[in-house]
Every structure is written in C-alpha cells, then in structure tokens.
N, C-alpha and C. Protein backbone atom coordinates (compact mmCIF):
# COMPACT_ATOMS: atom_id res chain seq x y z
N ALA A 1 0.86 -1.21 -0.08
CA ALA A 1 0.09 -0.06 0.00
C ALA A 1 0.91 1.17 -0.03
N SER A 2 0.58 2.15 -0.87
CA SER A 2 1.18 3.29 -0.87
C SER A 2 0.57 4.46 0.02
N VAL A 3 1.23 5.20 0.83
CA VAL A 3 0.76 6.13 1.59
C VAL A 3 1.37 7.49 1.33
N ALA A 4 0.58 8.34 0.81
CA ALA A 4 1.14 9.73 0.41
C ALA A 4 1.44 10.39 1.57
N SER A 5 2.29 11.58 1.35
CA SER A 5 2.56 12.40 2.52
C SER A 5 1.34 13.07 3.16
N GLY A 6 1.14 13.04 4.48
CA GLY A 6 -0.02 13.49 5.12
C GLY A 6 -1.16 12.57 5.16
N ALA A 7 -1.12 11.47 4.47
CA ALA A 7 -2.17 10.50 4.39
C ALA A 7 -2.09 9.44 5.42
N ASN A 8 -2.93 8.61 5.57
CA ASN A 8 -2.77 7.52 6.66
C ASN A 8 -3.46 6.24 6.09
N LEU A 9 -3.03 5.16 6.52
CA LEU A 9 -3.58 3.76 6.24
C LEU A 9 -3.96 3.13 7.63
N GLN A 10 -5.36 2.75 7.53
CA GLN A 10 -5.94 2.30 8.79
C GLN A 10 -5.97 0.64 8.69
N VAL A 11 -5.61 0.04 9.73
CA VAL A 11 -5.69 -1.27 9.77
C VAL A 11 -6.58 -1.88 10.97
N THR A 12 -7.60 -2.59 10.82
CA THR A 12 -8.40 -3.01 12.06
C THR A 12 -7.78 -4.33 12.69
N VAL A 13 -7.58 -4.35 13.81
CA VAL A 13 -7.19 -5.54 14.53
C VAL A 13 -8.36 -6.02 15.34
N LEU A 14 -8.79 -7.26 15.11
CA LEU A 14 -9.90 -7.96 15.88
C LEU A 14 -9.24 -8.86 16.95
N TYR A 15 -9.81 -8.58 18.12
CA TYR A 15 -9.36 -9.52 19.35
C TYR A 15 -10.55 -10.24 19.77
N GLN A 16 -10.36 -11.59 19.73
CA GLN A 16 -11.49 -12.46 20.00
C GLN A 16 -10.96 -13.58 21.09
N PRO A 17 -10.94 -13.22 22.32
CA PRO A 17 -10.39 -14.17 23.31
C PRO A 17 -11.22 -15.40 23.44
N THR A 18 -10.52 -16.50 23.64
CA THR A 18 -11.23 -17.82 23.95
C THR A 18 -11.26 -18.29 25.28
N SER A 19 -10.59 -17.56 26.27
CA SER A 19 -10.69 -17.83 27.63
C SER A 19 -10.48 -16.64 28.42
N VAL A 20 -10.82 -16.81 29.70
CA VAL A 20 -10.45 -15.65 30.63
C VAL A 20 -9.09 -15.63 31.10
N ALA A 21 -8.28 -14.91 30.21
CA ALA A 21 -6.83 -14.87 30.57
C ALA A 21 -6.22 -13.74 29.63
N SER A 22 -5.09 -13.37 30.09
CA SER A 22 -4.23 -12.17 29.22
C SER A 22 -3.73 -12.80 27.92
N SER A 23 -3.72 -12.08 27.06
CA SER A 23 -3.24 -12.46 25.73
C SER A 23 -2.16 -11.43 25.34
N ALA A 24 -1.26 -11.88 24.38
CA ALA A 24 -0.29 -11.02 24.00
C ALA A 24 -0.13 -11.40 22.44
N GLY A 25 0.19 -10.43 21.74
CA GLY A 25 0.41 -10.62 20.25
C GLY A 25 1.29 -9.47 19.66
N GLN A 26 1.38 -9.60 18.29
CA GLN A 26 2.29 -8.33 17.65
C GLN A 26 1.91 -8.17 16.24
N ILE A 27 1.89 -6.94 15.95
CA ILE A 27 1.77 -6.45 14.45
C ILE A 27 3.08 -6.23 13.97
N GLN A 28 3.45 -6.69 12.94
CA GLN A 28 4.73 -6.24 12.26
C GLN A 28 4.47 -5.59 10.98
N ILE A 29 5.10 -4.42 10.84
CA ILE A 29 4.90 -3.60 9.61
C ILE A 29 6.36 -3.57 8.89
N THR A 30 6.19 -4.01 7.60
CA THR A 30 7.56 -4.03 6.87
C THR A 30 7.45 -2.86 5.75
N PHE A 31 8.45 -2.10 5.68
CA PHE A 31 8.53 -1.06 4.78
C PHE A 31 9.41 -1.27 3.63
N ASP A 32 9.29 -0.48 2.46
CA ASP A 32 10.22 -0.55 1.28
C ASP A 32 11.70 -0.51 1.80
N THR A 33 11.90 0.48 2.61
CA THR A 33 13.29 0.68 3.01
C THR A 33 13.15 0.81 4.53
N GLY A 34 14.31 0.52 5.14
CA GLY A 34 14.51 0.62 6.61
C GLY A 34 14.04 -0.73 7.34
N ALA A 35 14.12 -0.69 8.65
CA ALA A 35 13.95 -1.83 9.45
C ALA A 35 12.42 -1.99 9.69
N PRO A 36 11.82 -3.10 9.90
CA PRO A 36 10.39 -3.33 10.10
C PRO A 36 10.08 -2.70 11.49
N LEU A 37 8.78 -2.52 11.65
CA LEU A 37 8.35 -1.84 12.95
C LEU A 37 7.38 -3.09 13.60
N ALA A 38 7.72 -3.25 14.94
CA ALA A 38 6.96 -4.26 15.67
C ALA A 38 6.10 -3.60 16.63
N ILE A 39 4.93 -3.74 16.72
CA ILE A 39 3.96 -3.17 17.61
C ILE A 39 3.31 -4.20 18.53
N GLY A 40 3.51 -4.11 19.82
CA GLY A 40 2.91 -5.23 20.64
C GLY A 40 1.39 -4.99 20.99
N LEU A 41 0.79 -6.17 21.16
CA LEU A 41 -0.71 -6.26 21.46
C LEU A 41 -0.85 -6.93 22.78
N GLN A 42 -1.67 -6.35 23.53
CA GLN A 42 -2.13 -6.97 24.86
C GLN A 42 -3.56 -7.06 24.99
N GLY A 43 -4.23 -8.01 25.45
CA GLY A 43 -5.62 -7.92 25.81
C GLY A 43 -5.97 -9.08 26.91
N ALA A 44 -7.13 -8.82 27.40
CA ALA A 44 -7.58 -9.77 28.46
C ALA A 44 -9.15 -10.14 28.23
N GLY A 45 -9.29 -11.40 28.26
CA GLY A 45 -10.64 -12.01 27.98
C GLY A 45 -11.44 -11.81 29.34
N ILE A 46 -12.65 -11.39 29.28
CA ILE A 46 -13.49 -11.27 30.44
C ILE A 46 -14.65 -12.02 30.32
N ALA A 47 -15.29 -12.60 31.37
CA ALA A 47 -16.57 -13.26 31.29
C ALA A 47 -17.09 -13.32 32.61
N PRO A 48 -18.43 -13.37 32.58
CA PRO A 48 -19.17 -13.76 33.96
C PRO A 48 -18.82 -15.22 34.39
N ALA A 49 -19.07 -15.36 35.74
CA ALA A 49 -18.86 -16.81 36.28
C ALA A 49 -19.80 -16.88 37.62
N LEU A 50 -21.03 -17.46 37.27
CA LEU A 50 -22.06 -17.58 38.30
C LEU A 50 -21.74 -18.87 39.23
N VAL A 51 -21.75 -18.57 40.51
CA VAL A 51 -21.48 -19.63 41.44
C VAL A 51 -22.80 -19.67 42.44
N TYR A 52 -23.07 -20.89 42.90
CA TYR A 52 -24.29 -21.17 43.68
C TYR A 52 -23.76 -21.52 45.07
N GLU A 53 -24.43 -20.89 46.07
CA GLU A 53 -24.03 -21.11 47.54
C GLU A 53 -25.26 -21.41 48.22
N LEU A 54 -25.18 -22.33 49.24
CA LEU A 54 -26.35 -22.59 50.08
C LEU A 54 -25.91 -21.84 51.34
N LEU A 55 -26.86 -20.82 51.69
CA LEU A 55 -26.49 -19.98 52.89
C LEU A 55 -27.04 -20.57 54.20
N ASP A 56 -27.61 -21.74 54.26
CA ASP A 56 -28.12 -22.34 55.43
C ASP A 56 -26.98 -22.98 56.22
N THR A 57 -25.78 -22.89 55.73
CA THR A 57 -24.60 -23.48 56.49
C THR A 57 -23.61 -22.44 56.70
N ASN A 58 -22.68 -22.59 57.68
CA ASN A 58 -21.80 -21.58 58.03
C ASN A 58 -20.31 -22.23 58.05
N PRO A 59 -19.49 -22.00 57.16
CA PRO A 59 -19.62 -20.96 56.04
C PRO A 59 -20.53 -21.55 54.94
N PRO A 60 -21.05 -20.75 54.01
CA PRO A 60 -21.87 -21.23 53.00
C PRO A 60 -21.35 -22.34 52.18
N THR A 61 -22.11 -23.22 51.72
CA THR A 61 -21.65 -24.40 50.90
C THR A 61 -21.72 -24.03 49.49
N SER A 62 -20.87 -24.39 48.61
CA SER A 62 -20.93 -24.09 47.17
C SER A 62 -21.53 -25.41 46.62
N VAL A 63 -22.48 -25.15 45.66
CA VAL A 63 -23.11 -26.25 44.95
C VAL A 63 -22.81 -26.04 43.50
N ALA A 64 -22.18 -27.12 42.87
CA ALA A 64 -21.87 -26.90 41.33
C ALA A 64 -23.09 -27.18 40.62
N PRO A 65 -23.00 -26.72 39.45
CA PRO A 65 -24.18 -27.15 38.48
C PRO A 65 -24.18 -28.60 38.38
N GLY A 66 -25.46 -29.22 38.52
CA GLY A 66 -25.59 -30.69 38.54
C GLY A 66 -25.50 -31.24 39.93
N GLY A 67 -25.17 -30.47 40.85
CA GLY A 67 -25.08 -30.95 42.36
C GLY A 67 -26.41 -30.82 42.98
N THR A 68 -26.48 -31.25 44.30
CA THR A 68 -27.68 -31.41 44.78
C THR A 68 -27.87 -30.32 46.13
N VAL A 69 -29.07 -29.74 46.18
CA VAL A 69 -29.40 -28.77 47.34
C VAL A 69 -30.20 -29.63 48.29
N PRO A 70 -29.66 -29.98 49.42
CA PRO A 70 -30.52 -30.68 50.40
C PRO A 70 -31.43 -29.77 51.25
N LEU A 71 -32.77 -30.34 51.25
CA LEU A 71 -33.72 -29.47 52.21
C LEU A 71 -33.89 -30.29 53.37
N PRO A 72 -34.17 -29.55 54.54
CA PRO A 72 -34.42 -30.36 55.81
C PRO A 72 -35.51 -31.24 55.75
N ASP A 73 -35.40 -32.40 56.43
CA ASP A 73 -36.45 -33.40 56.56
C ASP A 73 -37.64 -32.54 57.17
N THR A 74 -38.87 -32.80 56.51
CA THR A 74 -39.92 -31.91 56.94
C THR A 74 -41.28 -32.80 57.09
N PRO A 75 -42.00 -32.67 58.24
CA PRO A 75 -43.36 -33.37 58.35
C PRO A 75 -44.23 -33.08 57.27
N VAL A 76 -45.08 -33.98 56.83
CA VAL A 76 -46.01 -33.78 55.70
C VAL A 76 -46.94 -32.66 56.20
N GLY A 77 -47.28 -31.62 55.32
CA GLY A 77 -48.07 -30.54 55.50
C GLY A 77 -47.38 -29.30 56.12
N GLN A 78 -46.16 -29.48 56.53
CA GLN A 78 -45.32 -28.41 57.10
C GLN A 78 -44.41 -28.01 56.10
N SER A 79 -43.65 -26.87 56.28
CA SER A 79 -42.70 -26.29 55.26
C SER A 79 -41.22 -26.04 56.01
N SER A 80 -40.35 -26.16 55.14
CA SER A 80 -39.01 -25.66 55.44
C SER A 80 -38.33 -25.07 54.32
N THR A 81 -37.18 -24.21 54.48
CA THR A 81 -36.67 -23.45 53.33
C THR A 81 -35.17 -23.75 53.24
N ALA A 82 -34.72 -23.31 52.20
CA ALA A 82 -33.31 -23.35 51.81
C ALA A 82 -33.13 -21.96 51.03
N VAL A 83 -31.89 -21.32 51.39
CA VAL A 83 -31.66 -20.05 50.83
C VAL A 83 -30.45 -20.29 49.92
N ILE A 84 -30.56 -19.96 48.63
CA ILE A 84 -29.47 -20.12 47.59
C ILE A 84 -28.95 -18.76 47.14
N ARG A 85 -27.72 -18.59 47.25
CA ARG A 85 -27.20 -17.25 46.71
C ARG A 85 -26.58 -17.50 45.38
N ILE A 86 -26.87 -16.62 44.37
CA ILE A 86 -26.26 -16.73 42.97
C ILE A 86 -25.24 -15.58 43.03
N ARG A 87 -24.01 -15.86 42.81
CA ARG A 87 -22.99 -14.78 42.86
C ARG A 87 -22.21 -14.84 41.63
N ASN A 88 -21.91 -13.63 41.10
CA ASN A 88 -21.04 -13.45 39.98
C ASN A 88 -19.55 -13.31 40.37
N THR A 89 -18.65 -14.24 40.20
CA THR A 89 -17.37 -14.07 40.62
C THR A 89 -16.35 -13.78 39.37
N GLY A 90 -17.04 -13.56 38.30
CA GLY A 90 -16.31 -13.36 36.92
C GLY A 90 -15.72 -11.87 36.98
N THR A 91 -15.44 -11.64 35.67
CA THR A 91 -14.79 -10.29 35.35
C THR A 91 -15.77 -9.40 34.52
N ALA A 92 -16.92 -9.98 34.16
CA ALA A 92 -17.93 -9.25 33.38
C ALA A 92 -19.29 -9.34 33.93
N ASN A 93 -20.17 -8.60 33.44
CA ASN A 93 -21.55 -8.56 34.14
C ASN A 93 -22.19 -9.97 33.52
N GLY A 94 -22.96 -10.48 34.47
CA GLY A 94 -23.65 -11.79 34.14
C GLY A 94 -25.11 -11.48 34.15
N ILE A 95 -25.85 -12.10 33.21
CA ILE A 95 -27.24 -11.86 33.11
C ILE A 95 -28.11 -13.12 33.40
N ILE A 96 -28.98 -13.03 34.33
CA ILE A 96 -29.79 -14.18 34.58
C ILE A 96 -31.06 -13.89 33.88
N ASN A 97 -31.41 -14.64 32.80
CA ASN A 97 -32.50 -14.56 32.02
C ASN A 97 -33.78 -15.38 32.42
N SER A 98 -33.49 -16.43 33.03
CA SER A 98 -34.53 -17.42 33.38
C SER A 98 -34.27 -18.26 34.70
N ILE A 99 -35.23 -18.32 35.51
CA ILE A 99 -35.24 -19.33 36.67
C ILE A 99 -36.47 -20.02 36.72
N SER A 100 -36.55 -21.29 36.89
CA SER A 100 -37.68 -22.12 36.89
C SER A 100 -37.42 -23.31 37.80
N LEU A 101 -38.49 -23.88 38.29
CA LEU A 101 -38.31 -25.10 39.18
C LEU A 101 -39.39 -26.07 38.79
N VAL A 102 -39.03 -27.36 38.94
CA VAL A 102 -40.10 -28.36 38.81
C VAL A 102 -39.80 -29.31 39.92
N GLY A 103 -40.93 -30.05 40.33
CA GLY A 103 -40.79 -31.02 41.46
C GLY A 103 -41.92 -30.75 42.39
N GLN A 104 -42.58 -31.88 42.71
CA GLN A 104 -43.65 -31.81 43.64
C GLN A 104 -43.20 -31.48 45.12
N GLY A 105 -43.86 -30.49 45.75
CA GLY A 105 -43.55 -30.01 47.04
C GLY A 105 -42.57 -29.00 47.21
N PHE A 106 -41.86 -28.54 45.96
CA PHE A 106 -40.87 -27.46 45.95
C PHE A 106 -41.40 -26.23 45.36
N GLN A 107 -41.08 -25.09 45.86
CA GLN A 107 -41.64 -23.75 45.34
C GLN A 107 -40.60 -22.64 45.53
N ILE A 108 -40.44 -21.70 44.62
CA ILE A 108 -39.63 -20.43 44.82
C ILE A 108 -40.53 -19.47 45.53
N ILE A 109 -39.99 -18.96 46.69
CA ILE A 109 -40.61 -17.91 47.35
C ILE A 109 -40.32 -16.54 46.87
N ASN A 110 -41.28 -15.75 46.38
CA ASN A 110 -40.95 -14.43 45.91
C ASN A 110 -39.94 -14.33 44.68
N PRO A 111 -40.18 -15.07 43.68
CA PRO A 111 -39.24 -15.17 42.56
C PRO A 111 -38.76 -13.68 42.09
N PRO A 112 -37.56 -13.41 41.71
CA PRO A 112 -37.15 -12.20 41.25
C PRO A 112 -37.70 -11.79 39.93
N THR A 113 -37.75 -10.58 39.63
CA THR A 113 -38.09 -10.16 38.28
C THR A 113 -36.83 -10.35 37.38
N LEU A 114 -37.13 -11.00 36.12
CA LEU A 114 -36.11 -11.30 35.27
C LEU A 114 -36.23 -10.36 33.93
N PRO A 115 -35.06 -10.06 33.26
CA PRO A 115 -33.75 -10.34 33.58
C PRO A 115 -33.11 -9.66 34.64
N GLN A 116 -32.15 -10.31 35.37
CA GLN A 116 -31.30 -9.54 36.40
C GLN A 116 -29.94 -9.52 35.80
N THR A 117 -29.24 -8.36 35.96
CA THR A 117 -27.81 -8.26 35.49
C THR A 117 -27.10 -8.16 36.86
N LEU A 118 -26.07 -9.07 37.13
CA LEU A 118 -25.21 -9.17 38.23
C LEU A 118 -23.77 -8.64 37.87
N ALA A 119 -23.42 -7.47 38.32
CA ALA A 119 -22.12 -6.97 38.08
C ALA A 119 -21.12 -7.99 38.86
N THR A 120 -19.72 -7.73 38.66
CA THR A 120 -18.85 -8.60 39.25
C THR A 120 -18.92 -8.41 40.75
N ASN A 121 -19.04 -9.55 41.47
CA ASN A 121 -19.06 -9.60 43.01
C ASN A 121 -20.54 -9.46 43.41
N ALA A 122 -21.49 -9.09 42.58
CA ALA A 122 -22.87 -8.83 42.99
C ALA A 122 -23.51 -10.25 43.18
N SER A 123 -24.75 -10.24 43.88
CA SER A 123 -25.28 -11.51 44.10
C SER A 123 -26.83 -11.37 44.06
N LEU A 124 -27.42 -12.43 44.09
CA LEU A 124 -29.08 -12.57 44.14
C LEU A 124 -29.30 -13.67 44.95
N THR A 125 -30.36 -13.73 45.87
CA THR A 125 -30.74 -14.83 46.60
C THR A 125 -32.06 -15.34 46.27
N LEU A 126 -32.32 -16.71 46.33
CA LEU A 126 -33.55 -17.25 46.14
C LEU A 126 -33.87 -18.06 47.36
N THR A 127 -35.18 -18.06 47.71
CA THR A 127 -35.65 -18.91 48.84
C THR A 127 -36.43 -20.03 48.33
N ILE A 128 -36.08 -21.22 48.43
CA ILE A 128 -36.96 -22.43 48.11
C ILE A 128 -37.60 -23.10 49.22
N ALA A 129 -38.80 -23.22 49.04
CA ALA A 129 -39.72 -23.80 50.09
C ALA A 129 -39.99 -25.19 49.78
N PHE A 130 -40.07 -26.08 50.86
CA PHE A 130 -40.26 -27.45 50.72
C PHE A 130 -41.40 -27.73 51.45
N THR A 131 -42.55 -28.15 50.90
CA THR A 131 -43.78 -28.55 51.61
C THR A 131 -44.25 -29.93 51.08
N PRO A 132 -43.84 -30.91 51.70
CA PRO A 132 -44.11 -32.30 51.20
C PRO A 132 -45.69 -32.70 51.46
N ALA A 133 -46.33 -33.21 50.44
CA ALA A 133 -47.77 -33.59 50.50
C ALA A 133 -47.84 -34.97 50.89
N GLN A 134 -46.71 -35.77 50.93
CA GLN A 134 -46.73 -37.18 51.22
C GLN A 134 -45.35 -37.48 51.84
N PRO A 135 -45.38 -38.61 52.61
CA PRO A 135 -43.97 -38.97 53.05
C PRO A 135 -43.13 -39.62 52.05
N GLY A 136 -41.79 -39.53 52.35
CA GLY A 136 -40.77 -40.32 51.43
C GLY A 136 -39.81 -39.28 50.82
N ASN A 137 -38.98 -39.80 50.08
CA ASN A 137 -37.79 -38.93 49.43
C ASN A 137 -38.43 -38.32 48.16
N LEU A 138 -38.39 -37.02 48.10
CA LEU A 138 -38.86 -36.15 47.00
C LEU A 138 -37.80 -35.54 46.30
N LYS A 139 -37.89 -35.29 45.02
CA LYS A 139 -36.78 -34.68 44.23
C LYS A 139 -37.36 -33.72 43.35
N GLY A 140 -36.52 -32.65 43.12
CA GLY A 140 -36.99 -31.56 42.14
C GLY A 140 -35.63 -31.02 41.43
N SER A 141 -35.93 -29.97 40.59
CA SER A 141 -34.82 -29.42 39.78
C SER A 141 -35.10 -28.00 39.72
N LEU A 142 -33.97 -27.05 39.95
CA LEU A 142 -33.98 -25.69 39.88
C LEU A 142 -33.10 -25.42 38.57
N PHE A 143 -33.63 -24.71 37.61
CA PHE A 143 -33.09 -24.27 36.33
C PHE A 143 -32.70 -22.83 36.48
N ILE A 144 -31.43 -22.50 36.30
CA ILE A 144 -30.99 -21.03 36.35
C ILE A 144 -30.14 -20.93 34.98
N ASN A 145 -30.79 -20.17 34.09
CA ASN A 145 -30.15 -20.04 32.69
C ASN A 145 -29.96 -21.45 32.14
N SER A 146 -28.71 -21.95 31.88
CA SER A 146 -28.58 -23.35 31.33
C SER A 146 -28.11 -24.27 32.50
N ASP A 147 -27.99 -23.69 33.75
CA ASP A 147 -27.46 -24.57 34.74
C ASP A 147 -28.66 -25.26 35.56
N THR A 148 -28.45 -26.42 35.91
CA THR A 148 -29.49 -27.23 36.71
C THR A 148 -28.91 -27.52 38.24
N LEU A 149 -29.65 -27.27 39.23
CA LEU A 149 -29.34 -27.74 40.57
C LEU A 149 -30.41 -28.71 41.01
N ASN A 150 -30.16 -29.88 41.46
CA ASN A 150 -31.07 -30.85 41.94
C ASN A 150 -31.48 -30.46 43.39
N LEU A 151 -32.73 -30.80 43.66
CA LEU A 151 -33.30 -30.52 45.04
C LEU A 151 -33.69 -31.94 45.55
N ALA A 152 -33.46 -31.97 46.83
CA ALA A 152 -33.84 -33.31 47.54
C ALA A 152 -34.33 -32.95 48.93
N GLY A 153 -35.44 -33.62 49.29
CA GLY A 153 -36.03 -33.49 50.58
C GLY A 153 -36.77 -34.67 50.96
N GLN A 154 -36.95 -34.96 52.23
CA GLN A 154 -37.67 -36.05 52.69
C GLN A 154 -38.84 -35.63 53.57
N GLY A 155 -40.11 -36.06 53.01
CA GLY A 155 -41.30 -35.82 53.81
C GLY A 155 -41.47 -36.82 54.91
N LEU A 156 -41.67 -36.41 56.08
CA LEU A 156 -41.87 -37.25 57.33
C LEU A 156 -43.31 -37.41 57.60
N GLY A 157 -43.74 -38.68 57.90
CA GLY A 157 -44.97 -39.10 58.21
C GLY A 157 -45.24 -40.58 57.96
N PRO A 158 -46.44 -41.07 58.52
CA PRO A 158 -46.72 -42.31 58.23
C PRO A 158 -46.93 -42.78 56.75
N GLN A 159 -46.53 -43.84 56.40
CA GLN A 159 -46.72 -44.39 54.95
C GLN A 159 -47.07 -45.76 55.08
N PHE A 160 -48.37 -46.10 54.92
CA PHE A 160 -48.80 -47.53 55.19
C PHE A 160 -48.78 -48.33 53.93
N SER A 161 -48.36 -49.74 54.13
CA SER A 161 -48.62 -50.72 53.05
C SER A 161 -49.43 -51.82 53.63
N PHE A 162 -50.15 -52.43 52.73
CA PHE A 162 -51.08 -53.40 53.12
C PHE A 162 -50.74 -54.72 52.38
N SER A 163 -50.87 -55.88 53.00
CA SER A 163 -50.62 -57.09 52.37
C SER A 163 -51.40 -58.16 53.24
N TYR A 164 -51.56 -59.39 52.60
CA TYR A 164 -52.14 -60.48 53.31
C TYR A 164 -51.48 -61.77 52.86
N VAL A 165 -51.55 -62.79 53.67
CA VAL A 165 -51.00 -64.08 53.24
C VAL A 165 -52.15 -64.96 53.03
N ALA A 166 -52.22 -65.63 51.96
CA ALA A 166 -53.13 -66.63 51.67
C ALA A 166 -52.63 -67.79 50.84
N GLY A 167 -52.80 -69.04 51.28
CA GLY A 167 -52.25 -70.17 50.56
C GLY A 167 -50.67 -70.17 50.57
N GLY A 168 -50.08 -69.58 51.60
CA GLY A 168 -48.65 -69.49 51.59
C GLY A 168 -48.00 -68.41 50.85
N ASN A 169 -48.81 -67.69 50.06
CA ASN A 169 -48.38 -66.52 49.31
C ASN A 169 -48.70 -65.17 49.87
N THR A 170 -47.64 -64.21 49.90
CA THR A 170 -48.02 -62.91 50.33
C THR A 170 -48.47 -62.06 49.15
N VAL A 171 -49.56 -61.33 49.36
CA VAL A 171 -50.17 -60.54 48.27
C VAL A 171 -50.22 -59.13 48.78
N THR A 172 -49.52 -58.20 47.98
CA THR A 172 -49.62 -56.88 48.36
C THR A 172 -50.74 -56.12 47.72
N LEU A 173 -51.40 -55.31 48.49
CA LEU A 173 -52.64 -54.67 48.02
C LEU A 173 -52.23 -53.38 47.47
N PRO A 174 -52.59 -53.26 46.12
CA PRO A 174 -52.30 -51.94 45.46
C PRO A 174 -53.50 -51.02 45.40
N GLY A 175 -53.23 -49.70 45.05
CA GLY A 175 -54.37 -48.87 44.70
C GLY A 175 -55.06 -48.32 45.79
N SER A 176 -56.26 -47.69 45.50
CA SER A 176 -57.05 -47.05 46.48
C SER A 176 -58.31 -47.95 46.93
N ASN A 177 -58.51 -48.91 46.06
CA ASN A 177 -59.60 -49.70 46.22
C ASN A 177 -59.32 -51.10 46.26
N PRO A 178 -58.40 -51.70 47.44
CA PRO A 178 -57.80 -52.90 47.42
C PRO A 178 -58.86 -53.89 47.86
N SER A 179 -58.69 -55.16 47.49
CA SER A 179 -59.53 -56.23 47.94
C SER A 179 -58.90 -57.47 48.48
N VAL A 180 -59.31 -58.16 49.49
CA VAL A 180 -58.69 -59.37 49.99
C VAL A 180 -59.59 -60.54 49.42
N VAL A 181 -58.90 -61.42 48.78
CA VAL A 181 -59.64 -62.55 48.14
C VAL A 181 -59.41 -63.74 48.97
N PHE A 182 -60.45 -64.41 49.38
CA PHE A 182 -60.51 -65.56 50.30
C PHE A 182 -60.64 -66.74 49.25
N SER A 183 -59.99 -67.88 49.59
CA SER A 183 -60.19 -69.10 48.89
C SER A 183 -61.46 -69.52 49.03
N PRO A 184 -62.02 -70.36 48.12
CA PRO A 184 -63.52 -70.79 48.40
C PRO A 184 -63.63 -71.55 49.69
N VAL A 185 -64.66 -71.32 50.41
CA VAL A 185 -64.96 -71.92 51.84
C VAL A 185 -66.30 -72.67 51.80
N MET A 186 -66.30 -73.74 52.24
CA MET A 186 -67.47 -74.50 52.41
C MET A 186 -68.46 -73.80 53.22
N VAL A 187 -69.71 -73.85 52.83
CA VAL A 187 -70.85 -73.20 53.66
C VAL A 187 -70.86 -73.85 54.95
N SER A 188 -71.11 -72.84 55.94
CA SER A 188 -71.12 -73.14 57.41
C SER A 188 -69.76 -73.31 57.98
N GLN A 189 -68.62 -73.20 57.14
CA GLN A 189 -67.32 -73.30 57.65
C GLN A 189 -66.58 -71.98 57.56
N SER A 190 -65.38 -71.75 57.99
CA SER A 190 -64.78 -70.50 57.80
C SER A 190 -63.35 -70.70 57.25
N GLY A 191 -62.86 -69.49 56.81
CA GLY A 191 -61.56 -69.34 56.23
C GLY A 191 -60.95 -68.19 56.86
N GLN A 192 -59.57 -68.05 56.81
CA GLN A 192 -58.91 -66.88 57.34
C GLN A 192 -57.61 -66.53 56.55
N VAL A 193 -57.34 -65.27 56.61
CA VAL A 193 -55.97 -64.82 56.09
C VAL A 193 -55.37 -64.02 57.06
N VAL A 194 -53.94 -63.89 57.04
CA VAL A 194 -53.23 -62.98 57.92
C VAL A 194 -53.19 -61.64 57.06
N PHE A 195 -53.71 -60.59 57.67
CA PHE A 195 -53.75 -59.24 57.12
C PHE A 195 -52.72 -58.39 57.84
N ASP A 196 -51.78 -57.80 57.08
CA ASP A 196 -50.62 -57.11 57.64
C ASP A 196 -50.74 -55.61 57.17
N VAL A 197 -50.60 -54.67 58.27
CA VAL A 197 -50.55 -53.21 57.93
C VAL A 197 -49.19 -52.85 58.53
N LYS A 198 -48.45 -52.23 57.57
CA LYS A 198 -47.04 -51.80 57.86
C LYS A 198 -46.96 -50.42 57.60
N ASN A 199 -46.24 -49.75 58.56
CA ASN A 199 -45.81 -48.35 58.51
C ASN A 199 -44.35 -48.35 57.85
C-alpha cells in the first residue's frame, strides 16, 4: 500500500479471546526501506462466572451445576426453606434470563423479576420452600439459565402398606380400592387370612 505524504492507512485488529486470561500478540509492519516496525498487542478476556452457594450452612456451601441442594426433613403438611445465593465471581456482568423449578412439594418464594444483571461480585438470593404432601424422598430441579441444581428433601409421616398371606403366598394390596380374596370356603365353615398393616 502506498501512503502519500500527510495521508494515513488504517488497519483493523480484531481481538477475540477464547478464555478468561491475558493474551499477547504483535503486529509487524514492513517498509520498502528501513527496518520493520513491531507493535505489541495485549488483551484480556473477561466473562461472567456464576456460582451457587447454600446460605443455610456456616460458612456457605458451594453447589456446582448438577449438584444437589438438600432441604431439611420436613413433616407432611409443614414447610422448610433453603436459601441459595447466586454470585458473579467473574470479570464481566452476568445476566440471569430465566429461573424455573419443577418438582412436587418445591416452590420458589417471591421469585425475582427477570432478567437480572449481576455485576462482578454482585449476588442474588432465592428462597426455596419444601412442603411435602406425602412422606418419602422427594426430588426436584432448579433451572438457572442453562445450569441445573437438583433439589432433595424427605417428607416425614406415616406411610402404610397393606398385604395379606393366603395359601402360603404374600399378596400386596395396590391402589385406593384394594380387595382381600379368600379361597373358596364350604358353607357353614370358615376361612382366614393374615392381614398385615405396615408403616
């Protein structure tokens, strides 16, 4: 390229970092005469980094995406909560576009208005309520952007199972309208089964 006296030549340099790290490079300009000119380039990649912390422990417990948030064992019909802090430990603003939850017995209390922008070191807290409607181990999932946190809680209460023994076999009674079946019994005689109620 020829550059007339008093004119200029513009060159655009594109920097596209692939990681959160410092980068170095160089532009070298060669002239018709004289030594080439080397111009150093420096840049740094920045990105948000969202971390999830359970605030019900001291110190707070980190939960990685795909990890499990345990909720306290809770009697059926009562509620317990867990508080999760979303913190941006990265070097750029992080945007939370979506928060959703699935799972019977789990609910977000006062969900935040979205989208939310978290500056570096800023945070947002979520309160998860666990209200089991039945006893047993219950599971749910909390989705934050593309990350998933598993939820786990145990409902406390009686859980009955019913069975009976007839002809040497144990028969478990299913459903809401179970029936006990007796073997045929001669008129005026009696038959019996052992009926078992288990908690």
